């Protein structure tokens, strides 16, 4: 059976999650010249796992974790129609499992979680030149909203 299951992550998954975090960093490093040299870390995974305002999910196939992501409730700007939204991060699918709909399954689970929290919007950040990620998020229904720009001086 080759079915993929989406489930909440646990502390028992920490080894795989830390490996995925380094996979995210390696994938993003070519798009971000501001990242320090390794070793770096993006996430406080135990804190995310314990937060009542977040959910950290994993995609599992044949008892192996093949994907991950989190949704965290964020305060919206005072001028937005909504007061809170679900911010998505740590979206990762192992290279050998990409192109098999795993990102879409995670996205559906995040939509359901956000709706159960009374939220009406999902947001995420992606590097402007990361075409594979952009295509995956557009396939899931996301649309570009704002581009952050920077200037080194």
N, C-alpha and C. Protein backbone atom coordinates (compact mmCIF):
# COMPACT_ATOMS: atom_id res chain seq x y z
N UNK A 1 0.84 -1.18 0.00
CA UNK A 1 0.00 0.00 0.00
C UNK A 1 0.88 1.24 0.00
N UNK A 2 0.55 2.20 -0.82
CA UNK A 2 1.37 3.38 -1.02
C UNK A 2 0.64 4.64 -0.55
N UNK A 3 -0.36 4.48 0.30
CA UNK A 3 -1.18 5.60 0.74
C UNK A 3 -0.40 6.52 1.67
N UNK A 4 -0.69 7.81 1.55
CA UNK A 4 -0.05 8.82 2.40
C UNK A 4 -1.07 9.26 3.44
N UNK A 5 -0.63 9.30 4.69
CA UNK A 5 -1.47 9.74 5.80
C UNK A 5 -0.93 11.06 6.33
N UNK A 6 -1.83 11.97 6.64
CA UNK A 6 -1.45 13.23 7.27
C UNK A 6 -1.85 13.12 8.73
N UNK A 7 -0.91 13.45 9.61
CA UNK A 7 -1.18 13.38 11.04
C UNK A 7 -0.40 14.46 11.77
N UNK A 8 -0.85 14.79 12.99
CA UNK A 8 -0.07 15.73 13.80
C UNK A 8 1.29 15.13 14.15
N UNK A 9 2.30 15.94 14.11
CA UNK A 9 3.64 15.50 14.50
C UNK A 9 3.71 15.36 16.02
N UNK A 10 4.65 14.55 16.47
CA UNK A 10 4.91 14.37 17.90
C UNK A 10 6.40 14.55 18.15
N UNK A 11 6.77 14.60 19.41
CA UNK A 11 8.20 14.69 19.76
C UNK A 11 8.97 13.49 19.24
N UNK A 12 8.30 12.35 19.06
CA UNK A 12 8.97 11.17 18.50
C UNK A 12 9.43 11.40 17.06
N UNK A 13 8.85 12.39 16.39
CA UNK A 13 9.20 12.70 14.99
C UNK A 13 10.34 13.70 14.88
N UNK A 14 10.87 14.15 16.02
CA UNK A 14 11.82 15.26 16.02
C UNK A 14 13.05 15.01 15.16
N UNK A 15 13.59 13.82 15.16
CA UNK A 15 14.79 13.53 14.34
C UNK A 15 14.51 13.78 12.86
N UNK A 16 13.40 13.27 12.37
CA UNK A 16 13.04 13.49 10.96
C UNK A 16 12.75 14.97 10.71
N UNK A 17 12.08 15.62 11.63
CA UNK A 17 11.74 17.03 11.46
C UNK A 17 12.99 17.91 11.41
N UNK A 18 13.97 17.60 12.24
CA UNK A 18 15.22 18.37 12.21
C UNK A 18 15.94 18.15 10.88
N UNK A 19 15.88 16.94 10.35
CA UNK A 19 16.47 16.66 9.03
C UNK A 19 15.73 17.44 7.94
N UNK A 20 14.41 17.48 8.03
CA UNK A 20 13.62 18.24 7.06
C UNK A 20 13.94 19.73 7.14
N UNK A 21 14.13 20.23 8.37
CA UNK A 21 14.48 21.65 8.53
C UNK A 21 15.75 21.97 7.76
N UNK A 22 16.74 21.10 7.84
CA UNK A 22 17.97 21.34 7.09
C UNK A 22 17.73 21.22 5.59
N UNK A 23 16.78 20.39 5.19
CA UNK A 23 16.39 20.30 3.78
C UNK A 23 15.76 21.59 3.29
N UNK A 24 14.92 22.20 4.13
CA UNK A 24 14.31 23.49 3.78
C UNK A 24 15.40 24.54 3.62
N UNK A 25 16.31 24.59 4.57
CA UNK A 25 17.39 25.58 4.54
C UNK A 25 18.25 25.39 3.29
N UNK A 26 18.61 24.15 2.99
CA UNK A 26 19.42 23.87 1.80
C UNK A 26 18.69 24.29 0.52
N UNK A 27 17.39 24.05 0.48
CA UNK A 27 16.62 24.42 -0.71
C UNK A 27 16.49 25.93 -0.86
N UNK A 28 16.44 26.64 0.25
CA UNK A 28 16.26 28.09 0.20
C UNK A 28 17.56 28.87 0.11
N UNK A 29 18.65 28.27 0.51
CA UNK A 29 19.94 28.97 0.53
C UNK A 29 20.30 29.63 -0.81
N UNK A 30 20.06 28.98 -1.97
CA UNK A 30 20.40 29.64 -3.24
C UNK A 30 19.58 30.91 -3.51
N UNK A 31 18.46 31.06 -2.82
CA UNK A 31 17.59 32.22 -3.06
C UNK A 31 17.80 33.34 -2.04
N UNK A 32 18.66 33.11 -1.04
CA UNK A 32 18.78 34.09 0.04
C UNK A 32 20.24 34.28 0.44
N UNK A 33 20.84 35.33 -0.07
CA UNK A 33 22.25 35.61 0.22
C UNK A 33 22.45 36.14 1.64
N UNK A 34 21.36 36.40 2.37
CA UNK A 34 21.49 36.93 3.72
C UNK A 34 21.61 35.85 4.78
N UNK A 35 21.48 34.58 4.40
CA UNK A 35 21.58 33.50 5.39
C UNK A 35 23.02 33.32 5.84
N UNK A 36 23.19 33.14 7.14
CA UNK A 36 24.52 32.84 7.68
C UNK A 36 24.96 31.47 7.21
N UNK A 37 26.24 31.19 7.38
CA UNK A 37 26.76 29.87 7.06
C UNK A 37 26.19 28.85 8.05
N UNK A 38 26.16 27.59 7.62
CA UNK A 38 25.69 26.52 8.51
C UNK A 38 26.61 26.41 9.71
N UNK A 39 26.12 25.94 10.81
CA UNK A 39 24.76 25.46 11.03
C UNK A 39 23.81 26.60 11.41
N UNK A 40 22.61 26.58 10.85
CA UNK A 40 21.55 27.50 11.26
C UNK A 40 20.28 26.68 11.45
N UNK A 41 19.33 27.31 12.12
CA UNK A 41 18.04 26.69 12.37
C UNK A 41 16.98 27.76 12.16
N UNK A 42 15.85 27.37 11.55
CA UNK A 42 14.74 28.30 11.35
C UNK A 42 13.70 28.23 12.46
N UNK A 43 13.45 27.03 12.96
CA UNK A 43 12.26 26.78 13.77
C UNK A 43 12.60 26.28 15.17
N UNK A 44 11.73 26.61 16.11
CA UNK A 44 11.76 26.00 17.43
C UNK A 44 10.69 24.91 17.39
N UNK A 45 11.07 23.73 16.96
CA UNK A 45 10.10 22.66 16.72
C UNK A 45 9.39 22.20 17.98
N UNK A 46 10.08 22.01 19.12
CA UNK A 46 9.35 21.63 20.34
C UNK A 46 8.30 22.69 20.73
N UNK A 47 8.62 23.95 20.55
CA UNK A 47 7.66 25.01 20.86
C UNK A 47 6.44 24.95 19.92
N UNK A 48 6.69 24.72 18.65
CA UNK A 48 5.59 24.57 17.69
C UNK A 48 4.70 23.38 18.05
N UNK A 49 5.32 22.27 18.43
CA UNK A 49 4.56 21.08 18.80
C UNK A 49 3.67 21.34 20.02
N UNK A 50 4.13 22.16 20.94
CA UNK A 50 3.39 22.41 22.18
C UNK A 50 2.39 23.56 22.08
N UNK A 51 2.47 24.36 21.04
CA UNK A 51 1.64 25.57 20.96
C UNK A 51 0.16 25.26 20.71
N UNK A 52 -0.72 25.86 21.51
CA UNK A 52 -2.16 25.69 21.25
C UNK A 52 -2.63 26.52 20.05
N UNK A 53 -1.76 27.39 19.54
CA UNK A 53 -2.12 28.24 18.40
C UNK A 53 -1.45 27.80 17.10
N UNK A 54 -0.98 26.55 17.09
CA UNK A 54 -0.31 26.03 15.90
C UNK A 54 -0.56 24.54 15.79
N UNK A 55 -0.39 24.05 14.57
CA UNK A 55 -0.40 22.61 14.33
C UNK A 55 0.77 22.29 13.41
N UNK A 56 1.54 21.29 13.78
CA UNK A 56 2.66 20.81 12.98
C UNK A 56 2.25 19.43 12.47
N UNK A 57 2.14 19.32 11.15
CA UNK A 57 1.68 18.08 10.53
C UNK A 57 2.81 17.39 9.78
N UNK A 58 2.70 16.07 9.70
CA UNK A 58 3.62 15.29 8.88
C UNK A 58 2.80 14.44 7.91
N UNK A 59 3.42 14.17 6.78
CA UNK A 59 2.87 13.23 5.81
C UNK A 59 3.67 11.95 5.98
N UNK A 60 2.97 10.84 6.10
CA UNK A 60 3.62 9.57 6.37
C UNK A 60 3.17 8.52 5.36
N UNK A 61 4.14 7.78 4.85
CA UNK A 61 3.87 6.67 3.93
C UNK A 61 4.72 5.49 4.39
N UNK A 62 4.09 4.34 4.52
CA UNK A 62 4.78 3.12 4.96
C UNK A 62 5.61 3.38 6.23
N UNK A 63 5.00 4.10 7.17
CA UNK A 63 5.61 4.41 8.46
C UNK A 63 6.88 5.25 8.35
N UNK A 64 7.04 5.96 7.24
CA UNK A 64 8.16 6.87 7.04
C UNK A 64 7.61 8.27 6.81
N UNK A 65 8.18 9.24 7.47
CA UNK A 65 7.73 10.62 7.28
C UNK A 65 8.34 11.13 5.97
N UNK A 66 7.48 11.63 5.09
CA UNK A 66 7.93 12.09 3.77
C UNK A 66 7.63 13.57 3.52
N UNK A 67 6.93 14.21 4.46
CA UNK A 67 6.62 15.63 4.28
C UNK A 67 6.22 16.26 5.59
N UNK A 68 6.25 17.60 5.61
CA UNK A 68 5.92 18.32 6.85
C UNK A 68 5.43 19.72 6.52
N UNK A 69 4.90 20.36 7.54
CA UNK A 69 4.50 21.76 7.46
C UNK A 69 3.81 22.15 8.75
N UNK A 70 3.70 23.44 8.97
CA UNK A 70 2.94 23.91 10.13
C UNK A 70 2.01 25.03 9.71
N UNK A 71 0.97 25.20 10.52
CA UNK A 71 0.07 26.35 10.43
C UNK A 71 0.05 26.98 11.81
N UNK A 72 0.19 28.30 11.84
CA UNK A 72 0.22 29.03 13.11
C UNK A 72 -0.74 30.20 13.01
N UNK A 73 -1.55 30.40 14.02
CA UNK A 73 -2.47 31.53 14.03
C UNK A 73 -1.69 32.81 14.26
N UNK A 74 -1.86 33.77 13.34
CA UNK A 74 -1.17 35.06 13.40
C UNK A 74 -2.20 36.18 13.48
N UNK A 75 -1.84 37.24 14.15
CA UNK A 75 -2.66 38.45 14.17
C UNK A 75 -2.55 39.14 12.82
N UNK A 76 -3.67 39.54 12.28
CA UNK A 76 -3.66 40.30 11.03
C UNK A 76 -3.40 41.78 11.36
N UNK A 77 -3.07 42.53 10.34
CA UNK A 77 -2.91 43.97 10.50
C UNK A 77 -4.27 44.58 10.86
N UNK A 78 -4.26 45.66 11.58
CA UNK A 78 -5.50 46.28 12.04
C UNK A 78 -6.41 46.69 10.89
N UNK A 79 -5.84 46.93 9.73
CA UNK A 79 -6.64 47.40 8.60
C UNK A 79 -7.15 46.25 7.71
N UNK A 80 -6.84 45.01 8.03
CA UNK A 80 -7.35 43.88 7.25
C UNK A 80 -8.79 43.54 7.66
N UNK A 81 -9.51 42.90 6.76
CA UNK A 81 -10.89 42.48 7.03
C UNK A 81 -10.94 41.42 8.12
N UNK A 82 -9.95 40.54 8.14
CA UNK A 82 -9.89 39.47 9.12
C UNK A 82 -8.98 39.89 10.27
N UNK A 83 -9.22 39.36 11.47
CA UNK A 83 -8.39 39.72 12.62
C UNK A 83 -7.21 38.76 12.79
N UNK A 84 -7.38 37.52 12.31
CA UNK A 84 -6.33 36.52 12.40
C UNK A 84 -6.34 35.68 11.12
N UNK A 85 -5.22 35.02 10.86
CA UNK A 85 -5.11 34.12 9.71
C UNK A 85 -4.17 32.99 10.08
N UNK A 86 -4.12 31.97 9.26
CA UNK A 86 -3.19 30.87 9.46
C UNK A 86 -1.96 31.11 8.59
N UNK A 87 -0.82 31.22 9.22
CA UNK A 87 0.44 31.37 8.51
C UNK A 87 1.06 29.99 8.36
N UNK A 88 1.43 29.61 7.14
CA UNK A 88 2.02 28.31 6.87
C UNK A 88 3.53 28.42 6.74
N UNK A 89 4.22 27.45 7.26
CA UNK A 89 5.67 27.39 7.14
C UNK A 89 6.16 25.97 7.23
N UNK A 90 7.48 25.78 7.06
CA UNK A 90 8.12 24.48 7.18
C UNK A 90 7.54 23.48 6.18
N UNK A 91 7.13 23.99 5.02
CA UNK A 91 6.56 23.12 3.99
C UNK A 91 7.72 22.38 3.32
N UNK A 92 7.73 21.07 3.46
CA UNK A 92 8.82 20.27 2.90
C UNK A 92 8.31 18.89 2.52
N UNK A 93 8.71 18.44 1.35
CA UNK A 93 8.47 17.07 0.90
C UNK A 93 9.82 16.51 0.46
N UNK A 94 10.14 15.31 0.94
CA UNK A 94 11.41 14.70 0.58
C UNK A 94 11.53 14.61 -0.94
N UNK A 95 12.73 14.84 -1.48
CA UNK A 95 12.91 14.83 -2.94
C UNK A 95 12.33 13.61 -3.65
N UNK A 96 12.50 12.42 -3.10
CA UNK A 96 11.99 11.21 -3.75
C UNK A 96 10.48 11.08 -3.73
N UNK A 97 9.81 11.94 -2.97
CA UNK A 97 8.34 11.88 -2.86
C UNK A 97 7.66 13.08 -3.49
N UNK A 98 8.42 13.95 -4.13
CA UNK A 98 7.82 15.14 -4.74
C UNK A 98 7.04 14.77 -5.99
N UNK A 99 6.07 15.60 -6.34
CA UNK A 99 5.27 15.38 -7.53
C UNK A 99 4.22 14.29 -7.36
N UNK A 100 3.93 13.91 -6.12
CA UNK A 100 2.97 12.85 -5.85
C UNK A 100 1.75 13.34 -5.07
N UNK A 101 1.56 14.65 -5.02
CA UNK A 101 0.37 15.21 -4.38
C UNK A 101 0.46 15.37 -2.88
N UNK A 102 1.63 15.18 -2.30
CA UNK A 102 1.77 15.26 -0.84
C UNK A 102 1.57 16.69 -0.35
N UNK A 103 2.13 17.66 -1.05
CA UNK A 103 1.92 19.06 -0.67
C UNK A 103 0.43 19.39 -0.68
N UNK A 104 -0.29 18.90 -1.67
CA UNK A 104 -1.73 19.15 -1.75
C UNK A 104 -2.48 18.54 -0.57
N UNK A 105 -2.08 17.35 -0.13
CA UNK A 105 -2.71 16.74 1.03
C UNK A 105 -2.46 17.55 2.29
N UNK A 106 -1.23 18.03 2.45
CA UNK A 106 -0.92 18.89 3.60
C UNK A 106 -1.75 20.17 3.54
N UNK A 107 -1.85 20.77 2.37
CA UNK A 107 -2.62 22.01 2.22
C UNK A 107 -4.09 21.79 2.59
N UNK A 108 -4.66 20.68 2.15
CA UNK A 108 -6.06 20.39 2.49
C UNK A 108 -6.23 20.25 4.00
N UNK A 109 -5.27 19.58 4.64
CA UNK A 109 -5.34 19.42 6.09
C UNK A 109 -5.23 20.78 6.79
N UNK A 110 -4.38 21.67 6.26
CA UNK A 110 -4.25 23.00 6.86
C UNK A 110 -5.52 23.82 6.66
N UNK A 111 -6.14 23.70 5.49
CA UNK A 111 -7.42 24.39 5.26
C UNK A 111 -8.46 23.94 6.27
N UNK A 112 -8.55 22.64 6.48
CA UNK A 112 -9.52 22.11 7.44
C UNK A 112 -9.22 22.59 8.86
N UNK A 113 -7.95 22.56 9.24
CA UNK A 113 -7.56 23.02 10.58
C UNK A 113 -7.90 24.49 10.75
N UNK A 114 -7.55 25.30 9.76
CA UNK A 114 -7.81 26.75 9.85
C UNK A 114 -9.31 27.02 9.95
N UNK A 115 -10.10 26.35 9.14
CA UNK A 115 -11.55 26.54 9.19
C UNK A 115 -12.09 26.15 10.56
N UNK A 116 -11.58 25.08 11.15
CA UNK A 116 -12.02 24.65 12.49
C UNK A 116 -11.65 25.68 13.56
N UNK A 117 -10.62 26.50 13.28
CA UNK A 117 -10.21 27.57 14.21
C UNK A 117 -11.00 28.85 13.96
N UNK A 118 -11.89 28.84 12.97
CA UNK A 118 -12.66 30.03 12.63
C UNK A 118 -11.91 31.00 11.74
N UNK A 119 -10.82 30.55 11.12
CA UNK A 119 -10.01 31.41 10.26
C UNK A 119 -10.51 31.32 8.83
N UNK A 120 -10.30 32.40 8.08
CA UNK A 120 -10.79 32.45 6.70
C UNK A 120 -9.67 32.66 5.69
N UNK A 121 -8.44 32.68 6.14
CA UNK A 121 -7.34 32.94 5.22
C UNK A 121 -6.09 32.19 5.62
N UNK A 122 -5.37 31.67 4.60
CA UNK A 122 -4.05 31.08 4.76
C UNK A 122 -3.05 31.99 4.07
N UNK A 123 -1.89 32.15 4.66
CA UNK A 123 -0.81 32.92 4.05
C UNK A 123 0.50 32.16 4.21
N UNK A 124 1.42 32.42 3.30
CA UNK A 124 2.76 31.86 3.41
C UNK A 124 3.71 32.77 2.66
N UNK A 125 4.99 32.54 2.87
CA UNK A 125 6.03 33.28 2.16
C UNK A 125 6.82 32.29 1.32
N UNK A 126 7.23 32.76 0.15
CA UNK A 126 8.03 31.94 -0.75
C UNK A 126 8.99 32.87 -1.49
N UNK A 127 10.19 32.41 -1.74
CA UNK A 127 11.15 33.23 -2.48
C UNK A 127 10.66 33.43 -3.90
N UNK A 128 10.78 34.66 -4.38
CA UNK A 128 10.24 35.04 -5.69
C UNK A 128 10.81 34.22 -6.83
N UNK A 129 12.02 33.72 -6.72
CA UNK A 129 12.65 32.97 -7.80
C UNK A 129 12.60 31.45 -7.59
N UNK A 130 11.89 31.01 -6.57
CA UNK A 130 11.78 29.58 -6.29
C UNK A 130 10.59 29.02 -7.09
N UNK A 131 10.83 28.79 -8.37
CA UNK A 131 9.76 28.39 -9.28
C UNK A 131 9.07 27.08 -8.89
N UNK A 132 9.79 26.04 -8.46
CA UNK A 132 9.07 24.82 -8.07
C UNK A 132 8.10 25.07 -6.91
N UNK A 133 8.51 25.83 -5.92
CA UNK A 133 7.62 26.13 -4.79
C UNK A 133 6.45 27.01 -5.23
N UNK A 134 6.74 28.01 -6.05
CA UNK A 134 5.66 28.87 -6.56
C UNK A 134 4.61 28.04 -7.29
N UNK A 135 5.05 27.13 -8.15
CA UNK A 135 4.10 26.29 -8.89
C UNK A 135 3.28 25.41 -7.95
N UNK A 136 3.93 24.85 -6.92
CA UNK A 136 3.22 23.99 -5.97
C UNK A 136 2.15 24.77 -5.22
N UNK A 137 2.47 26.00 -4.81
CA UNK A 137 1.50 26.79 -4.06
C UNK A 137 0.38 27.30 -4.96
N UNK A 138 0.72 27.66 -6.19
CA UNK A 138 -0.33 28.07 -7.13
C UNK A 138 -1.26 26.90 -7.43
N UNK A 139 -0.71 25.71 -7.55
CA UNK A 139 -1.53 24.52 -7.78
C UNK A 139 -2.49 24.30 -6.62
N UNK A 140 -2.07 24.66 -5.42
CA UNK A 140 -2.91 24.52 -4.23
C UNK A 140 -3.93 25.66 -4.09
N UNK A 141 -3.87 26.64 -5.01
CA UNK A 141 -4.85 27.72 -4.99
C UNK A 141 -4.34 29.06 -4.49
N UNK A 142 -3.08 29.13 -4.10
CA UNK A 142 -2.52 30.39 -3.63
C UNK A 142 -2.25 31.33 -4.81
N UNK A 143 -2.32 32.63 -4.55
CA UNK A 143 -2.00 33.64 -5.55
C UNK A 143 -1.02 34.62 -4.93
N UNK A 144 -0.10 35.12 -5.74
CA UNK A 144 0.85 36.12 -5.26
C UNK A 144 0.08 37.33 -4.75
N UNK A 145 0.56 37.88 -3.66
CA UNK A 145 -0.15 39.00 -3.04
C UNK A 145 0.74 40.23 -2.93
N UNK A 146 1.94 40.05 -2.42
CA UNK A 146 2.85 41.17 -2.22
C UNK A 146 4.28 40.63 -2.33
N UNK A 147 5.13 41.39 -2.92
CA UNK A 147 6.53 41.02 -3.04
C UNK A 147 7.35 41.89 -2.11
N UNK A 148 8.10 41.27 -1.21
CA UNK A 148 8.99 42.01 -0.34
C UNK A 148 10.28 42.26 -1.10
N UNK A 149 10.80 43.47 -1.00
CA UNK A 149 12.05 43.80 -1.71
C UNK A 149 13.09 44.22 -0.70
N UNK A 150 14.37 44.07 -1.07
CA UNK A 150 15.45 44.46 -0.18
C UNK A 150 16.59 45.08 -0.98
N UNK A 151 17.42 45.83 -0.30
CA UNK A 151 18.59 46.48 -0.89
C UNK A 151 19.73 46.39 0.11
N UNK A 152 20.82 45.77 -0.27
CA UNK A 152 22.00 45.73 0.58
C UNK A 152 22.75 47.05 0.44
N UNK A 153 23.22 47.58 1.55
CA UNK A 153 24.01 48.82 1.51
C UNK A 153 25.29 48.66 2.29
